[in-house]
Amino acid sequence: MKNARYLPLLYCLCWGGQALADTPLDLSHPAAPTAHIDITNVKGEVSITAWNRNEVHVSGQLGNGAEPLTIEGSENNLVIKVQAQGHDGWLNWGGDKAMSSSTLDINVPRGASVKVNVVSAPLSIDGIDGGDIAVNSVSGRVRINAQTPMLDVVTVSGNVAFSGHARQAKLQTVSGDILAPSLGQSVDLQTVSGHIQASGGPWDHLGLSTVSGDVQLTGGLAPNGNISIDSMSGDLQLQFPASLSSNLHATTFSGDLRSDFGTPTRPEHGPGSTLDTVAGGGNGKISVETFSGDLRIRKGSD
């Protein structure tokens, strides 16, 4: 019977803890059609969806131990930041240990530019049309479907998947994979061990660098465009249109080099292969260097 007296108290404590852990969010703020929106969440998940309203709306759940969430700033510049109580600094470092996960479901104007900082929070961005997108992530996956003039994503171990179209794109990972089938005129791709699968163009500029990640790249070169690719041990498979117009230089120290454009040559003594050829009118420049990875240069259809 004595235990029965504590049951109501335990019941209230359990429900009180649940309420703290799952504080619902319902916040709104007027926003300009091309507003700049800065979003930070250390732990949990962030989902950003564009809509046809001049308003930012935040729903979801705020984690226990986080400061009350507000949308700060003016209609042109807004800040949404999940911050642990008693913590501050870059990305609220260390705050992930002081609070539980927060889930942010955010609606923004379709033409807005967004800058997102996350640590272990998966991120999705859908429907942006016209605004710039910048993402800094540590371990969360990043998925983006947008039409953007400028895409800049940096992540450590999270995979990056982009669809839509980006006129300029800069994608960098350490061990995360990059999947980007619709890249525009200017592109920079960099990874250490993550795989890269990308296509698009025609490219005025494309720079690609990998250490051990494999690469599959398909696309065309703009007139007088430039492509520069280097790899240490990752295998490279490149496909260009049959109508390619470019000077083409490729070399590998110990990997196997094969090309549908021109015939590689091997030195009389020692390893390695080199390709120097002109495709079409030679109106661009392509340079590919790999140390031990295999290199395939294929001719696709126009």
Protein backbone atom coordinates (compact mmCIF):
# COMPACT_ATOMS: atom_id res chain seq x y z
CA MET A 1 0.00 0.00 0.00
CA LYS A 2 2.93 2.35 0.70
CA ASN A 3 4.11 1.95 -2.91
CA ALA A 4 0.71 3.01 -4.16
CA ARG A 5 1.21 6.48 -2.67
CA TYR A 6 4.20 7.08 -4.98
CA LEU A 7 2.52 5.96 -8.18
CA PRO A 8 0.81 9.31 -8.94
CA LEU A 9 4.11 11.14 -8.39
CA LEU A 10 6.02 8.75 -10.66
CA TYR A 11 3.28 9.07 -13.25
CA CYS A 12 3.59 12.87 -13.24
CA LEU A 13 7.38 12.75 -13.39
CA CYS A 14 7.35 10.40 -16.37
CA TRP A 15 4.89 12.52 -18.27
CA GLY A 16 6.70 15.70 -17.29
CA GLY A 17 10.00 14.32 -18.61
CA GLN A 18 8.32 13.29 -21.84
CA ALA A 19 6.88 16.75 -22.25
CA LEU A 20 10.30 18.31 -21.77
CA ALA A 21 11.88 15.90 -24.23
CA ASP A 22 9.21 16.48 -26.87
CA THR A 23 8.33 20.17 -26.68
CA PRO A 24 6.28 20.86 -29.82
CA LEU A 25 7.26 23.77 -32.07
CA ASP A 26 4.91 26.13 -33.91
CA LEU A 27 6.71 29.37 -34.81
CA SER A 28 6.18 31.81 -37.66
CA HIS A 29 7.89 34.98 -38.89
CA PRO A 30 7.29 37.21 -41.96
CA ALA A 31 10.03 36.82 -44.58
CA ALA A 32 10.98 38.55 -47.81
CA PRO A 33 10.68 36.41 -50.98
CA THR A 34 14.50 36.35 -51.22
CA ALA A 35 15.28 36.27 -47.50
CA HIS A 36 18.58 34.91 -46.17
CA ILE A 37 17.94 32.29 -43.50
CA ASP A 38 20.62 30.91 -41.16
CA ILE A 39 19.75 27.58 -39.48
CA THR A 40 21.72 25.64 -36.85
CA ASN A 41 20.89 22.30 -35.21
CA VAL A 42 23.53 20.22 -33.45
CA LYS A 43 21.61 17.01 -32.93
CA GLY A 44 18.43 15.57 -34.43
CA GLU A 45 17.11 16.34 -37.91
CA VAL A 46 16.44 19.32 -40.17
CA SER A 47 13.95 19.31 -43.03
CA ILE A 48 13.57 22.47 -45.13
CA THR A 49 10.72 22.75 -47.64
CA ALA A 50 10.06 25.75 -49.87
CA TRP A 51 6.54 27.10 -50.26
CA ASN A 52 4.77 30.02 -51.98
CA ARG A 53 4.40 32.17 -48.88
CA ASN A 54 6.41 35.14 -47.65
CA GLU A 55 6.78 33.52 -44.28
CA VAL A 56 9.06 31.19 -42.37
CA HIS A 57 7.36 28.51 -40.28
CA VAL A 58 9.00 26.07 -37.88
CA SER A 59 7.32 22.95 -36.56
CA GLY A 60 8.68 19.73 -35.08
CA GLN A 61 10.04 18.94 -31.62
CA LEU A 62 12.59 20.78 -29.46
CA GLY A 63 14.91 18.51 -27.49
CA ASN A 64 15.10 18.49 -23.72
CA GLY A 65 17.93 20.71 -22.46
CA ALA A 66 17.68 23.22 -25.33
CA GLU A 67 17.07 26.91 -24.94
CA PRO A 68 13.58 28.05 -26.02
CA LEU A 69 13.61 28.41 -29.79
CA THR A 70 12.89 31.70 -31.51
CA ILE A 71 13.07 33.06 -35.06
CA GLU A 72 15.26 36.13 -34.81
CA GLY A 73 16.04 38.96 -37.20
CA SER A 74 14.30 40.98 -39.89
CA GLU A 75 12.25 39.87 -42.89
CA ASN A 76 15.43 39.89 -45.01
CA ASN A 77 17.76 38.10 -42.57
CA LEU A 78 16.50 35.43 -40.18
CA VAL A 79 18.27 33.15 -37.71
CA ILE A 80 16.95 29.85 -36.32
CA LYS A 81 19.36 28.26 -33.84
CA VAL A 82 18.93 25.27 -31.52
CA GLN A 83 21.22 25.89 -28.57
CA ALA A 84 21.82 23.90 -25.40
CA GLN A 85 21.20 25.68 -22.14
CA GLY A 86 24.46 27.14 -20.86
CA HIS A 87 26.38 26.46 -24.10
CA ASP A 88 27.49 28.82 -26.82
CA GLY A 89 30.16 29.12 -29.50
CA TRP A 90 30.73 27.72 -32.97
CA LEU A 91 27.97 25.24 -33.81
CA ASN A 92 27.11 25.18 -30.09
CA TRP A 93 30.00 22.71 -29.72
CA GLY A 94 29.45 20.21 -26.90
CA GLY A 95 25.77 21.01 -26.78
CA ASP A 96 24.88 17.59 -28.20
CA LYS A 97 25.78 16.05 -24.83
CA ALA A 98 23.66 18.54 -22.90
CA MET A 99 20.38 18.10 -24.76
CA SER A 100 18.34 15.49 -26.58
CA SER A 101 17.60 15.50 -30.32
CA SER A 102 15.58 18.28 -31.92
CA THR A 103 13.56 17.84 -35.11
CA LEU A 104 13.05 20.97 -37.16
CA ASP A 105 10.53 21.05 -40.02
CA ILE A 106 10.98 24.44 -41.65
CA ASN A 107 9.05 26.11 -44.47
CA VAL A 108 10.77 28.99 -46.27
CA PRO A 109 9.91 31.19 -49.29
CA ARG A 110 10.76 29.48 -52.55
CA GLY A 111 13.33 32.11 -53.55
CA ALA A 112 15.09 32.20 -50.19
CA SER A 113 18.80 31.56 -49.63
CA VAL A 114 19.62 29.19 -46.79
CA LYS A 115 22.77 28.57 -44.78
CA VAL A 116 22.62 25.43 -42.61
CA ASN A 117 25.03 24.25 -39.91
CA VAL A 118 24.47 20.74 -38.51
CA VAL A 119 26.62 18.23 -36.65
CA SER A 120 24.93 14.85 -36.33
CA ALA A 121 21.62 15.96 -37.82
CA PRO A 122 20.47 14.57 -41.19
CA LEU A 123 19.42 17.38 -43.53
CA SER A 124 16.99 17.61 -46.42
CA ILE A 125 16.25 20.68 -48.55
CA ASP A 126 13.46 20.57 -51.11
CA GLY A 127 11.98 23.09 -53.55
CA ILE A 128 14.32 26.08 -53.29
CA ASP A 129 14.24 27.92 -56.63
CA GLY A 130 16.58 30.87 -57.12
CA GLY A 131 18.33 31.22 -53.77
CA ASP A 132 21.84 30.14 -52.79
CA ILE A 133 22.39 27.08 -50.59
CA ALA A 134 25.30 26.60 -48.18
CA VAL A 135 25.66 23.59 -45.87
CA ASN A 136 28.25 22.68 -43.25
CA SER A 137 27.76 19.18 -41.77
CA VAL A 138 29.81 16.69 -39.78
CA SER A 139 28.15 13.26 -39.84
CA GLY A 140 24.57 13.73 -41.02
CA ARG A 141 23.52 12.80 -44.55
CA VAL A 142 22.64 15.73 -46.81
CA ARG A 143 19.89 15.50 -49.45
CA ILE A 144 19.07 18.53 -51.62
CA ASN A 145 16.55 18.95 -54.45
CA ALA A 146 16.71 22.53 -55.69
CA GLN A 147 17.29 24.99 -58.52
CA THR A 148 20.10 27.18 -57.25
CA PRO A 149 22.73 29.53 -58.69
CA MET A 150 25.24 28.54 -55.99
CA LEU A 151 25.54 25.30 -54.01
CA ASP A 152 28.27 24.93 -51.36
CA VAL A 153 28.31 21.76 -49.23
CA VAL A 154 31.06 20.67 -46.83
CA THR A 155 30.68 17.46 -44.82
CA VAL A 156 32.98 15.00 -43.05
CA SER A 157 31.34 11.57 -43.08
CA GLY A 158 27.84 12.30 -44.31
CA ASN A 159 26.79 11.37 -47.85
CA VAL A 160 25.69 14.17 -50.20
CA ALA A 161 22.89 13.62 -52.72
CA PHE A 162 21.91 16.52 -54.97
CA SER A 163 19.20 16.70 -57.63
CA GLY A 164 17.70 19.64 -59.49
CA HIS A 165 20.29 22.01 -60.97
CA ALA A 166 23.17 24.11 -59.63
CA ARG A 167 24.86 26.66 -61.91
CA GLN A 168 27.86 26.70 -59.59
CA ALA A 169 28.59 23.87 -57.17
CA LYS A 170 31.28 23.18 -54.60
CA LEU A 171 30.92 19.80 -52.85
CA GLN A 172 33.50 18.54 -50.37
CA THR A 173 33.55 15.42 -48.20
CA VAL A 174 36.11 13.35 -46.31
CA SER A 175 34.58 9.86 -46.28
CA GLY A 176 31.07 10.65 -47.47
CA ASP A 177 29.91 9.81 -51.01
CA ILE A 178 28.80 12.46 -53.51
CA LEU A 179 25.88 11.84 -55.87
CA ALA A 180 25.16 14.80 -58.16
CA PRO A 181 23.60 14.12 -61.58
CA SER A 182 22.78 17.72 -62.56
CA LEU A 183 25.72 20.07 -62.11
CA GLY A 184 26.01 23.28 -64.12
CA GLN A 185 28.77 25.41 -65.61
CA SER A 186 31.26 25.66 -62.71
CA VAL A 187 31.98 22.70 -60.44
CA ASP A 188 34.48 21.75 -57.73
CA LEU A 189 34.30 18.25 -56.24
CA GLN A 190 36.63 16.99 -53.53
CA THR A 191 36.74 13.86 -51.39
CA VAL A 192 39.29 11.75 -49.55
CA SER A 193 37.79 8.24 -49.53
CA GLY A 194 34.21 8.89 -50.59
CA HIS A 195 32.98 7.86 -54.03
CA ILE A 196 31.86 10.47 -56.56
CA GLN A 197 29.13 9.96 -59.16
CA ALA A 198 28.38 13.16 -61.04
CA SER A 199 27.19 14.45 -64.39
CA GLY A 200 26.04 17.67 -66.04
CA GLY A 201 27.66 20.48 -67.97
CA PRO A 202 28.63 21.70 -70.41
CA TRP A 203 31.33 22.84 -68.01
CA ASP A 204 33.25 26.09 -68.22
CA HIS A 205 35.25 24.83 -65.26
CA LEU A 206 35.37 21.50 -63.45
CA GLY A 207 37.91 20.61 -60.78
CA LEU A 208 37.83 17.17 -59.16
CA SER A 209 40.19 15.71 -56.57
CA THR A 210 40.09 12.40 -54.70
CA VAL A 211 42.57 10.29 -52.74
CA SER A 212 41.12 6.79 -52.69
CA GLY A 213 37.50 7.26 -53.73
CA ASP A 214 36.29 5.93 -57.09
CA VAL A 215 34.83 8.39 -59.60
CA GLN A 216 32.18 8.14 -62.31
CA LEU A 217 31.85 11.39 -64.27
CA THR A 218 29.68 12.07 -67.31
CA GLY A 219 29.31 15.40 -69.09
CA GLY A 220 30.39 17.83 -71.75
CA LEU A 221 32.87 20.67 -72.01
CA ALA A 222 31.87 24.22 -72.93
CA PRO A 223 33.88 26.02 -75.67
CA ASN A 224 37.25 26.97 -74.16
CA GLY A 225 36.28 25.18 -70.97
CA ASN A 226 38.70 23.51 -68.59
CA ILE A 227 38.54 20.20 -66.70
CA SER A 228 41.21 19.20 -64.16
CA ILE A 229 41.06 15.83 -62.36
CA ASP A 230 43.53 14.16 -60.03
CA SER A 231 43.42 10.94 -58.03
CA MET A 232 45.85 8.98 -55.89
CA SER A 233 44.46 5.43 -55.84
CA GLY A 234 40.82 5.80 -56.77
CA ASP A 235 39.63 4.43 -60.11
CA LEU A 236 38.33 6.99 -62.61
CA GLN A 237 35.67 6.38 -65.25
CA LEU A 238 35.06 9.45 -67.42
CA GLN A 239 32.57 9.77 -70.27
CA PHE A 240 32.50 12.68 -72.70
CA PRO A 241 30.28 13.29 -75.78
CA ALA A 242 31.50 12.00 -79.13
CA SER A 243 31.53 15.63 -80.33
CA LEU A 244 34.06 16.62 -77.64
CA SER A 245 36.33 19.50 -78.71
CA SER A 246 39.36 19.63 -76.44
CA ASN A 247 43.04 19.05 -75.94
CA LEU A 248 43.24 15.96 -73.77
CA HIS A 249 46.14 15.03 -71.51
CA ALA A 250 46.00 11.99 -69.19
CA THR A 251 48.66 10.16 -67.25
CA THR A 252 48.90 7.36 -64.70
CA PHE A 253 51.96 6.07 -62.86
CA SER A 254 50.95 2.46 -62.20
CA GLY A 255 47.27 2.24 -63.07
CA ASP A 256 45.76 1.01 -66.32
CA LEU A 257 44.86 3.76 -68.84
CA ARG A 258 42.38 3.21 -71.67
CA SER A 259 40.73 5.81 -73.89
CA ASP A 260 38.26 6.03 -76.77
CA PHE A 261 39.89 9.36 -77.67
CA GLY A 262 43.39 8.67 -78.97
CA THR A 263 45.82 5.88 -78.02
CA PRO A 264 47.82 5.93 -74.76
CA THR A 265 51.55 5.31 -74.91
CA ARG A 266 53.78 3.47 -72.46
CA PRO A 267 57.45 4.18 -71.76
CA GLU A 268 60.01 1.69 -73.00
CA HIS A 269 61.21 1.13 -69.45
CA GLY A 270 59.17 1.49 -66.27
CA PRO A 271 55.49 1.74 -65.44
CA GLY A 272 52.91 4.27 -66.43
CA SER A 273 50.89 5.40 -69.42
CA THR A 274 50.33 8.78 -71.05
CA LEU A 275 47.71 10.13 -73.43
CA ASP A 276 48.10 13.37 -75.38
CA THR A 277 45.54 13.90 -78.09
CA VAL A 278 43.20 16.46 -79.66
CA ALA A 279 39.49 15.74 -79.87
CA GLY A 280 37.48 17.69 -82.45
CA GLY A 281 38.65 21.26 -82.85
CA GLY A 282 40.59 21.27 -79.58
CA ASN A 283 38.68 24.24 -78.17
CA GLY A 284 39.05 23.24 -74.51
CA LYS A 285 41.47 21.59 -72.11
CA ILE A 286 41.14 18.37 -70.13
CA SER A 287 43.90 17.20 -67.79
CA VAL A 288 43.66 13.95 -65.80
CA GLU A 289 46.33 12.57 -63.49
CA THR A 290 46.22 9.44 -61.34
CA PHE A 291 48.92 7.59 -59.45
CA SER A 292 47.78 3.99 -58.98
CA GLY A 293 44.11 4.08 -59.91
CA ASP A 294 42.81 2.79 -63.23
CA LEU A 295 41.56 5.36 -65.74
CA ARG A 296 38.91 4.84 -68.40
CA ILE A 297 37.98 7.63 -70.82
CA ARG A 298 34.89 6.69 -72.81
CA LYS A 299 33.11 8.23 -75.78
CA GLY A 300 29.38 8.61 -75.25
CA SER A 301 26.60 9.76 -77.52
CA ASP A 302 25.90 13.44 -78.26
